Amino acid sequence: MTQWNDFPIAPAPDHPPATVAEGHYVRVITTIHGLMTAWAAGPSRSFRVHVPIADRDPVRVTSTNPRTGRREHRFEPFTQDDQDYIDESVNFGLRQAGIPDIPSGFDWYVLAPAQITDGSALDDALREKNSTTDNLHAARIIARLYNDLVSNL
């Protein structure tokens, strides 16, 4: 059975490992559905890049000012607590779909057609997955849609 550790590691997003299919790769959004897409792609059409906590983009924090009642936004450094929260949330949904927990601290990239420019465009191309709240069913939909999407590559 495939495990996340079977997915090759690349030194950078623009240097896919030789073990993956040639082509255009995009980073999946770090959500349950995004990681389900990487799982559906499998180790021959997906790879990962380790990103240390210190190199992660800042987190946008929104709060309400108690004096004015207005929403305020600020950016704070990404922390280990942020990573732990993401891992916990994503792994919960993956487990519901029968998919093992992801290794922490990676960005995941999947093979995609050239017209798919980023993770948001990929997510949109697979939007039928949003028709269910059942993660096992969503994983099956994602696998079917992803395989259809890349079938001619």
N, C-alpha and C. Protein backbone atom coordinates (compact mmCIF):
# COMPACT_ATOMS: atom_id res chain seq x y z
N MET A 1 0.84 -1.18 0.00
CA MET A 1 0.00 0.00 0.00
C MET A 1 0.89 1.25 0.00
N THR A 2 0.48 2.24 -0.74
CA THR A 2 1.22 3.50 -0.81
C THR A 2 1.19 4.21 0.54
N GLN A 3 2.30 4.83 0.87
CA GLN A 3 2.43 5.65 2.06
C GLN A 3 2.96 7.02 1.64
N TRP A 4 2.76 8.03 2.46
CA TRP A 4 3.24 9.37 2.13
C TRP A 4 4.76 9.39 1.94
N ASN A 5 5.47 8.55 2.68
CA ASN A 5 6.92 8.53 2.55
C ASN A 5 7.38 7.97 1.21
N ASP A 6 6.46 7.40 0.43
CA ASP A 6 6.78 6.95 -0.93
C ASP A 6 6.86 8.12 -1.90
N PHE A 7 6.32 9.27 -1.52
CA PHE A 7 6.32 10.44 -2.39
C PHE A 7 7.71 11.06 -2.35
N PRO A 8 8.33 11.26 -3.52
CA PRO A 8 9.70 11.77 -3.53
C PRO A 8 9.79 13.21 -3.02
N ILE A 9 10.98 13.53 -2.53
CA ILE A 9 11.27 14.87 -2.03
C ILE A 9 12.14 15.59 -3.05
N ALA A 10 11.77 16.81 -3.36
CA ALA A 10 12.56 17.65 -4.28
C ALA A 10 13.20 18.77 -3.48
N PRO A 11 14.33 19.28 -3.95
CA PRO A 11 14.97 20.39 -3.24
C PRO A 11 14.24 21.71 -3.41
N ALA A 12 13.47 21.83 -4.50
CA ALA A 12 12.74 23.06 -4.79
C ALA A 12 11.60 22.74 -5.75
N PRO A 13 10.55 23.57 -5.76
CA PRO A 13 9.39 23.30 -6.63
C PRO A 13 9.73 23.21 -8.11
N ASP A 14 10.74 23.95 -8.54
CA ASP A 14 11.07 23.94 -9.97
C ASP A 14 12.10 22.87 -10.34
N HIS A 15 12.35 21.93 -9.44
CA HIS A 15 13.25 20.81 -9.70
C HIS A 15 12.58 19.49 -9.32
N PRO A 16 11.54 19.07 -10.08
CA PRO A 16 10.87 17.81 -9.75
C PRO A 16 11.86 16.64 -9.79
N PRO A 17 11.66 15.66 -8.94
CA PRO A 17 12.53 14.48 -8.96
C PRO A 17 12.42 13.73 -10.29
N ALA A 18 13.46 13.02 -10.64
CA ALA A 18 13.48 12.25 -11.89
C ALA A 18 12.47 11.11 -11.86
N THR A 19 12.00 10.75 -10.68
CA THR A 19 11.08 9.61 -10.55
C THR A 19 9.62 9.96 -10.84
N VAL A 20 9.31 11.25 -11.02
CA VAL A 20 7.93 11.63 -11.33
C VAL A 20 7.78 11.88 -12.82
N ALA A 21 6.55 11.81 -13.29
CA ALA A 21 6.26 12.05 -14.70
C ALA A 21 6.71 13.46 -15.09
N GLU A 22 7.20 13.58 -16.32
CA GLU A 22 7.56 14.90 -16.82
C GLU A 22 6.30 15.72 -17.04
N GLY A 23 6.41 17.02 -16.83
CA GLY A 23 5.27 17.88 -17.08
C GLY A 23 5.22 19.08 -16.16
N HIS A 24 4.07 19.70 -16.15
CA HIS A 24 3.80 20.92 -15.39
C HIS A 24 3.25 20.53 -14.01
N TYR A 25 3.83 21.08 -12.96
CA TYR A 25 3.40 20.77 -11.60
C TYR A 25 2.91 22.04 -10.89
N VAL A 26 1.88 21.88 -10.08
CA VAL A 26 1.37 22.98 -9.26
C VAL A 26 1.29 22.54 -7.81
N ARG A 27 1.45 23.50 -6.91
CA ARG A 27 1.34 23.21 -5.48
C ARG A 27 -0.13 23.12 -5.11
N VAL A 28 -0.50 22.06 -4.41
CA VAL A 28 -1.88 21.93 -3.96
C VAL A 28 -2.10 22.85 -2.77
N ILE A 29 -3.33 23.26 -2.59
CA ILE A 29 -3.71 24.04 -1.41
C ILE A 29 -3.63 23.11 -0.21
N THR A 30 -3.11 23.60 0.90
CA THR A 30 -2.94 22.76 2.08
C THR A 30 -4.26 22.66 2.84
N THR A 31 -5.16 21.86 2.26
CA THR A 31 -6.46 21.56 2.85
C THR A 31 -6.67 20.06 2.75
N ILE A 32 -7.73 19.58 3.36
CA ILE A 32 -8.06 18.16 3.24
C ILE A 32 -8.17 17.78 1.77
N HIS A 33 -8.93 18.54 1.00
CA HIS A 33 -9.12 18.22 -0.42
C HIS A 33 -7.83 18.36 -1.22
N GLY A 34 -7.02 19.34 -0.89
CA GLY A 34 -5.74 19.50 -1.58
C GLY A 34 -4.84 18.30 -1.38
N LEU A 35 -4.75 17.83 -0.14
CA LEU A 35 -3.91 16.67 0.13
C LEU A 35 -4.52 15.38 -0.41
N MET A 36 -5.85 15.32 -0.49
CA MET A 36 -6.49 14.18 -1.16
C MET A 36 -6.10 14.15 -2.64
N THR A 37 -5.92 15.32 -3.23
CA THR A 37 -5.49 15.40 -4.63
C THR A 37 -4.08 14.84 -4.78
N ALA A 38 -3.18 15.21 -3.87
CA ALA A 38 -1.82 14.66 -3.92
C ALA A 38 -1.85 13.15 -3.75
N TRP A 39 -2.69 12.66 -2.85
CA TRP A 39 -2.81 11.22 -2.63
C TRP A 39 -3.32 10.53 -3.90
N ALA A 40 -4.31 11.14 -4.55
CA ALA A 40 -4.85 10.57 -5.79
C ALA A 40 -3.79 10.56 -6.89
N ALA A 41 -2.95 11.59 -6.92
CA ALA A 41 -1.89 11.65 -7.94
C ALA A 41 -0.87 10.54 -7.73
N GLY A 42 -0.60 10.21 -6.49
CA GLY A 42 0.36 9.16 -6.19
C GLY A 42 1.80 9.60 -6.39
N PRO A 43 2.74 8.77 -5.94
CA PRO A 43 4.15 9.15 -5.97
C PRO A 43 4.76 9.30 -7.37
N SER A 44 4.09 8.83 -8.40
CA SER A 44 4.63 8.99 -9.76
C SER A 44 4.19 10.30 -10.40
N ARG A 45 3.20 10.98 -9.79
CA ARG A 45 2.71 12.25 -10.35
C ARG A 45 2.65 13.34 -9.29
N SER A 46 3.36 13.14 -8.20
CA SER A 46 3.36 14.11 -7.12
C SER A 46 4.70 14.05 -6.40
N PHE A 47 5.10 15.19 -5.85
CA PHE A 47 6.31 15.24 -5.04
C PHE A 47 6.12 16.28 -3.95
N ARG A 48 7.06 16.31 -3.02
CA ARG A 48 6.97 17.25 -1.91
C ARG A 48 8.28 18.01 -1.75
N VAL A 49 8.15 19.19 -1.17
CA VAL A 49 9.30 20.05 -0.89
C VAL A 49 9.22 20.44 0.58
N HIS A 50 10.29 20.18 1.33
CA HIS A 50 10.29 20.56 2.74
C HIS A 50 10.41 22.08 2.85
N VAL A 51 9.56 22.65 3.69
CA VAL A 51 9.58 24.10 3.93
C VAL A 51 9.67 24.32 5.44
N PRO A 52 10.83 24.79 5.93
CA PRO A 52 10.96 25.04 7.36
C PRO A 52 9.96 26.10 7.85
N ILE A 53 9.59 26.01 9.10
CA ILE A 53 8.64 26.95 9.72
C ILE A 53 9.06 28.39 9.44
N ALA A 54 10.34 28.69 9.60
CA ALA A 54 10.83 30.07 9.43
C ALA A 54 10.66 30.59 8.01
N ASP A 55 10.52 29.69 7.04
CA ASP A 55 10.38 30.09 5.64
C ASP A 55 8.93 30.16 5.18
N ARG A 56 8.00 29.84 6.04
CA ARG A 56 6.58 29.89 5.68
C ARG A 56 6.10 31.33 5.60
N ASP A 57 5.09 31.56 4.77
CA ASP A 57 4.49 32.89 4.67
C ASP A 57 3.84 33.28 5.99
N PRO A 58 3.80 34.57 6.31
CA PRO A 58 3.12 35.01 7.52
C PRO A 58 1.63 34.64 7.49
N VAL A 59 1.05 34.58 8.67
CA VAL A 59 -0.36 34.24 8.84
C VAL A 59 -1.15 35.53 9.02
N ARG A 60 -2.24 35.65 8.29
CA ARG A 60 -3.12 36.82 8.46
C ARG A 60 -4.04 36.56 9.65
N VAL A 61 -4.00 37.45 10.60
CA VAL A 61 -4.81 37.34 11.81
C VAL A 61 -5.87 38.43 11.78
N THR A 62 -7.11 38.05 12.01
CA THR A 62 -8.22 39.00 12.04
C THR A 62 -8.80 39.02 13.45
N SER A 63 -9.01 40.21 13.96
CA SER A 63 -9.63 40.35 15.28
C SER A 63 -10.56 41.55 15.26
N THR A 64 -11.40 41.63 16.27
CA THR A 64 -12.33 42.75 16.40
C THR A 64 -11.82 43.66 17.51
N ASN A 65 -11.68 44.93 17.18
CA ASN A 65 -11.24 45.92 18.16
C ASN A 65 -12.39 46.10 19.16
N PRO A 66 -12.15 45.84 20.47
CA PRO A 66 -13.23 45.93 21.45
C PRO A 66 -13.76 47.35 21.64
N ARG A 67 -12.94 48.36 21.34
CA ARG A 67 -13.38 49.74 21.51
C ARG A 67 -14.23 50.23 20.35
N THR A 68 -13.86 49.82 19.13
CA THR A 68 -14.55 50.34 17.95
C THR A 68 -15.50 49.33 17.31
N GLY A 69 -15.30 48.05 17.62
CA GLY A 69 -16.12 47.01 17.00
C GLY A 69 -15.70 46.71 15.56
N ARG A 70 -14.64 47.35 15.10
CA ARG A 70 -14.18 47.14 13.72
C ARG A 70 -13.22 45.96 13.65
N ARG A 71 -13.29 45.29 12.53
CA ARG A 71 -12.37 44.17 12.28
C ARG A 71 -11.01 44.74 11.89
N GLU A 72 -9.98 44.16 12.46
CA GLU A 72 -8.62 44.58 12.17
C GLU A 72 -7.83 43.38 11.68
N HIS A 73 -6.91 43.62 10.77
CA HIS A 73 -6.09 42.56 10.20
C HIS A 73 -4.62 42.90 10.44
N ARG A 74 -3.86 41.87 10.71
CA ARG A 74 -2.42 42.02 10.84
C ARG A 74 -1.77 40.69 10.43
N PHE A 75 -0.50 40.73 10.17
CA PHE A 75 0.24 39.52 9.81
C PHE A 75 1.21 39.17 10.93
N GLU A 76 1.26 37.88 11.23
CA GLU A 76 2.18 37.38 12.25
C GLU A 76 3.01 36.26 11.65
N PRO A 77 4.20 36.03 12.18
CA PRO A 77 5.03 34.93 11.67
C PRO A 77 4.31 33.58 11.84
N PHE A 78 4.51 32.71 10.88
CA PHE A 78 4.00 31.34 10.95
C PHE A 78 4.77 30.62 12.05
N THR A 79 4.07 29.89 12.90
CA THR A 79 4.70 29.22 14.04
C THR A 79 4.46 27.71 14.00
N GLN A 80 5.15 27.01 14.89
CA GLN A 80 4.94 25.56 15.01
C GLN A 80 3.50 25.28 15.42
N ASP A 81 2.90 26.13 16.23
CA ASP A 81 1.48 25.96 16.59
C ASP A 81 0.59 26.03 15.35
N ASP A 82 0.91 26.94 14.43
CA ASP A 82 0.14 27.02 13.18
C ASP A 82 0.27 25.72 12.39
N GLN A 83 1.51 25.21 12.29
CA GLN A 83 1.74 23.96 11.56
C GLN A 83 0.99 22.81 12.22
N ASP A 84 1.05 22.74 13.55
CA ASP A 84 0.36 21.67 14.28
C ASP A 84 -1.15 21.73 14.04
N TYR A 85 -1.71 22.93 14.02
CA TYR A 85 -3.15 23.09 13.77
C TYR A 85 -3.51 22.60 12.37
N ILE A 86 -2.71 23.00 11.38
CA ILE A 86 -2.96 22.56 10.01
C ILE A 86 -2.87 21.04 9.92
N ASP A 87 -1.81 20.48 10.48
CA ASP A 87 -1.62 19.02 10.43
C ASP A 87 -2.80 18.30 11.07
N GLU A 88 -3.21 18.77 12.24
CA GLU A 88 -4.32 18.14 12.96
C GLU A 88 -5.61 18.20 12.15
N SER A 89 -5.90 19.35 11.59
CA SER A 89 -7.13 19.53 10.81
C SER A 89 -7.13 18.66 9.55
N VAL A 90 -6.03 18.71 8.81
CA VAL A 90 -5.95 17.94 7.56
C VAL A 90 -5.97 16.45 7.86
N ASN A 91 -5.20 16.02 8.84
CA ASN A 91 -5.13 14.59 9.15
C ASN A 91 -6.47 14.04 9.61
N PHE A 92 -7.25 14.83 10.32
CA PHE A 92 -8.59 14.40 10.74
C PHE A 92 -9.42 14.01 9.51
N GLY A 93 -9.45 14.88 8.51
CA GLY A 93 -10.22 14.60 7.31
C GLY A 93 -9.65 13.47 6.49
N LEU A 94 -8.32 13.40 6.41
CA LEU A 94 -7.70 12.31 5.66
C LEU A 94 -8.03 10.96 6.29
N ARG A 95 -7.96 10.89 7.61
CA ARG A 95 -8.30 9.63 8.30
C ARG A 95 -9.73 9.20 8.00
N GLN A 96 -10.65 10.16 7.92
CA GLN A 96 -12.04 9.82 7.60
C GLN A 96 -12.15 9.18 6.22
N ALA A 97 -11.20 9.50 5.35
CA ALA A 97 -11.21 8.95 3.99
C ALA A 97 -10.33 7.71 3.87
N GLY A 98 -9.76 7.25 4.99
CA GLY A 98 -8.90 6.08 4.94
C GLY A 98 -7.50 6.36 4.42
N ILE A 99 -7.09 7.62 4.46
CA ILE A 99 -5.77 8.03 3.99
C ILE A 99 -4.89 8.30 5.21
N PRO A 100 -3.64 7.82 5.20
CA PRO A 100 -2.78 8.03 6.37
C PRO A 100 -2.46 9.50 6.62
N ASP A 101 -2.00 9.79 7.83
CA ASP A 101 -1.57 11.14 8.20
C ASP A 101 -0.40 11.59 7.32
N ILE A 102 -0.39 12.88 6.99
CA ILE A 102 0.70 13.43 6.18
C ILE A 102 1.92 13.71 7.04
N PRO A 103 3.11 13.60 6.47
CA PRO A 103 4.29 14.08 7.18
C PRO A 103 4.23 15.61 7.25
N SER A 104 4.64 16.16 8.34
CA SER A 104 4.54 17.60 8.58
C SER A 104 5.65 18.37 7.87
N GLY A 105 5.34 19.62 7.50
CA GLY A 105 6.36 20.54 7.03
C GLY A 105 6.67 20.51 5.55
N PHE A 106 5.75 19.99 4.75
CA PHE A 106 5.99 19.91 3.30
C PHE A 106 4.93 20.69 2.53
N ASP A 107 5.34 21.20 1.37
CA ASP A 107 4.41 21.63 0.34
C ASP A 107 4.34 20.48 -0.65
N TRP A 108 3.16 20.25 -1.22
CA TRP A 108 2.93 19.11 -2.10
C TRP A 108 2.58 19.61 -3.50
N TYR A 109 3.15 18.98 -4.50
CA TYR A 109 2.98 19.37 -5.90
C TYR A 109 2.45 18.19 -6.69
N VAL A 110 1.54 18.48 -7.62
CA VAL A 110 0.97 17.43 -8.46
C VAL A 110 1.07 17.82 -9.93
N LEU A 111 1.15 16.80 -10.76
CA LEU A 111 1.12 16.99 -12.21
C LEU A 111 -0.23 17.58 -12.59
N ALA A 112 -0.20 18.55 -13.50
CA ALA A 112 -1.45 19.20 -13.93
C ALA A 112 -1.30 19.68 -15.36
N PRO A 113 -2.42 19.82 -16.07
CA PRO A 113 -2.36 20.42 -17.41
C PRO A 113 -1.83 21.85 -17.32
N ALA A 114 -1.23 22.32 -18.40
CA ALA A 114 -0.60 23.64 -18.42
C ALA A 114 -1.58 24.77 -18.09
N GLN A 115 -2.86 24.60 -18.42
CA GLN A 115 -3.83 25.67 -18.14
C GLN A 115 -4.15 25.79 -16.65
N ILE A 116 -3.77 24.82 -15.85
CA ILE A 116 -3.94 24.89 -14.40
C ILE A 116 -2.70 25.60 -13.86
N THR A 117 -2.86 26.84 -13.44
CA THR A 117 -1.71 27.67 -13.09
C THR A 117 -1.31 27.62 -11.63
N ASP A 118 -2.23 27.22 -10.75
CA ASP A 118 -1.90 27.17 -9.33
C ASP A 118 -2.89 26.27 -8.60
N GLY A 119 -2.71 26.16 -7.29
CA GLY A 119 -3.57 25.31 -6.49
C GLY A 119 -5.03 25.72 -6.51
N SER A 120 -5.29 27.01 -6.58
CA SER A 120 -6.68 27.49 -6.64
C SER A 120 -7.36 27.06 -7.93
N ALA A 121 -6.63 27.16 -9.04
CA ALA A 121 -7.19 26.72 -10.32
C ALA A 121 -7.42 25.21 -10.33
N LEU A 122 -6.52 24.47 -9.71
CA LEU A 122 -6.69 23.02 -9.61
C LEU A 122 -7.91 22.70 -8.75
N ASP A 123 -8.02 23.38 -7.62
CA ASP A 123 -9.17 23.19 -6.74
C ASP A 123 -10.48 23.47 -7.48
N ASP A 124 -10.48 24.52 -8.29
CA ASP A 124 -11.67 24.87 -9.07
C ASP A 124 -11.98 23.80 -10.11
N ALA A 125 -10.95 23.24 -10.74
CA ALA A 125 -11.16 22.20 -11.75
C ALA A 125 -11.77 20.94 -11.13
N LEU A 126 -11.56 20.75 -9.84
CA LEU A 126 -12.06 19.57 -9.13
C LEU A 126 -13.26 19.91 -8.24
N ARG A 127 -13.95 21.01 -8.54
CA ARG A 127 -14.98 21.54 -7.64
C ARG A 127 -16.15 20.60 -7.38
N GLU A 128 -16.36 19.60 -8.23
CA GLU A 128 -17.44 18.64 -7.98
C GLU A 128 -17.28 17.97 -6.62
N LYS A 129 -16.05 17.94 -6.12
CA LYS A 129 -15.77 17.34 -4.81
C LYS A 129 -16.54 18.04 -3.69
N ASN A 130 -16.91 19.29 -3.93
CA ASN A 130 -17.63 20.07 -2.92
C ASN A 130 -19.10 19.67 -2.80
N SER A 131 -19.52 18.70 -3.60
CA SER A 131 -20.92 18.26 -3.57
C SER A 131 -21.21 17.33 -2.40
N THR A 132 -20.19 17.00 -1.61
CA THR A 132 -20.39 16.10 -0.48
C THR A 132 -19.61 16.60 0.74
N THR A 133 -20.13 16.26 1.91
CA THR A 133 -19.40 16.55 3.14
C THR A 133 -18.73 15.29 3.69
N ASP A 134 -18.96 14.17 3.02
CA ASP A 134 -18.36 12.90 3.42
C ASP A 134 -16.96 12.81 2.82
N ASN A 135 -15.94 12.75 3.67
CA ASN A 135 -14.57 12.78 3.17
C ASN A 135 -14.18 11.54 2.37
N LEU A 136 -14.73 10.39 2.69
CA LEU A 136 -14.45 9.20 1.88
C LEU A 136 -15.00 9.37 0.47
N HIS A 137 -16.22 9.86 0.38
CA HIS A 137 -16.83 10.12 -0.93
C HIS A 137 -16.06 11.21 -1.67
N ALA A 138 -15.65 12.26 -0.97
CA ALA A 138 -14.88 13.35 -1.60
C ALA A 138 -13.57 12.81 -2.17
N ALA A 139 -12.90 11.93 -1.43
CA ALA A 139 -11.64 11.36 -1.91
C ALA A 139 -11.85 10.57 -3.20
N ARG A 140 -12.94 9.85 -3.28
CA ARG A 140 -13.24 9.08 -4.50
C ARG A 140 -13.54 10.02 -5.67
N ILE A 141 -14.29 11.08 -5.40
CA ILE A 141 -14.59 12.06 -6.45
C ILE A 141 -13.30 12.72 -6.93
N ILE A 142 -12.46 13.12 -6.00
CA ILE A 142 -11.19 13.77 -6.35
C ILE A 142 -10.33 12.83 -7.19
N ALA A 143 -10.23 11.57 -6.79
CA ALA A 143 -9.42 10.61 -7.56
C ALA A 143 -9.93 10.50 -8.99
N ARG A 144 -11.24 10.39 -9.15
CA ARG A 144 -11.82 10.28 -10.49
C ARG A 144 -11.56 11.53 -11.31
N LEU A 145 -11.85 12.69 -10.73
CA LEU A 145 -11.68 13.96 -11.44
C LEU A 145 -10.21 14.23 -11.78
N TYR A 146 -9.34 13.96 -10.82
CA TYR A 146 -7.91 14.20 -11.07
C TYR A 146 -7.41 13.29 -12.19
N ASN A 147 -7.76 12.02 -12.14
CA ASN A 147 -7.31 11.10 -13.18
C ASN A 147 -7.86 11.49 -14.55
N ASP A 148 -9.10 11.96 -14.59
CA ASP A 148 -9.65 12.47 -15.86
C ASP A 148 -8.88 13.70 -16.34
N LEU A 149 -8.54 14.58 -15.41
CA LEU A 149 -7.86 15.83 -15.74
C LEU A 149 -6.49 15.59 -16.38
N VAL A 150 -5.78 14.58 -15.89
CA VAL A 150 -4.42 14.35 -16.38
C VAL A 150 -4.32 13.18 -17.36
N SER A 151 -5.45 12.62 -17.75
CA SER A 151 -5.43 11.41 -18.59
C SER A 151 -4.76 11.61 -19.95
N ASN A 152 -4.74 12.81 -20.47
CA ASN A 152 -4.14 13.04 -21.79
C ASN A 152 -2.74 13.64 -21.72
N LEU A 153 -2.15 13.64 -20.54
CA LEU A 153 -0.80 14.22 -20.41
C LEU A 153 0.27 13.18 -20.69
